[in-house]
């Protein structure tokens, strides 16, 4: 039977990792996500499921440990916060190029640089546009509740293995640190339920040996490999788009927000409705693949959009690409760890669309 607990978002991710049958976690502490590795250490997952837990000497070491474990077909994961994720980018690119599944969790903090330990959404570009080198994408899930922090762990593993590609849960210090009721799913045994034909097990008696690498010095062959990878991304865009619409059926204007910003915007649209303003919200759940088609459909019926982010404006570019020139797209964002209030967002909306 499922179990209900009061947990922090970071704790929910850690508990979900154990229950999802994660084989190995390699990570390094950094605020505001340190509770993930701390919770795992306290739980002693090797006694519960046999899961390996290791604090690496750095984020660079951690992602390369994930690389090695993923190559053997194991459910491997890591977590960090913005500067630490930046250090992992080379390894993530290698894994995408080698077609290796894994889970990377980023509890975003304010930047650039060391910045602040306060929440931010300024890693959107890095997460969705391929933060390292080369033409690659991550599957990116954006939870807006502690419940989704838990639920998205098994989902991320499922998608990562389905497409043999790294998946990321992109959250921030608001969701990571807040406490909410969570309904935990039952323990899943560590298993090899995913296709294992590609793994490096060392067993080659009945087949050719598997070689997992992102290096190929033959340009024609490597272009063919790249085209294969791009075809995977096309399939993701066809099959894996996820989003939530709130009060969009009769809306005249739409807010677009994800994660903690979407939670705030839900209150904003209630306040707006109370004033007779028909405001709706679309919340992208997959930031990649982005719900481009759904935003484009909404643009046929509304007067305008406003993207709300904890950044200088990143997701808004994807909104503009989806909308085109059909209607106006505005933006409102806060930076440096500052969080807007619902009333603040509504006031900005009124100002920007006062002539609408």
Foldseek 3Di string as FASTA:
>chain_A
DWDKDKDALLLLLLVLCLQLQAAEEEEADDPPNNVNLVNCVVVVSCVVANHYYYYDPALCVRLVVQVVCQLQVGAYEYEDEDVSVLSCLVSQVWQLLLLTEYEYEYAYAFDDPPFDSFKFDACLCCQACRVHDDHAHAWEFEDAASQVSSVVNSVQRVVCLVRSHYHYYYAHSVRRGDIDMYTHDGGDHNDNPGDRPQHQPVDDPPHHGHDGGSDDPPVVVNVVSVVVRVVSLVVCLVPPWDKDKFLLPPAQEEEEEEHNLVVQQVVLCVVCVVVVHRYMYMYGRTSVVGPLQVLCVSLVRHAEYEYEGQHPDDSLVSSCVSNPVSHYYHYDHHGSNDDDHSVRVNVVVCVVVVVD
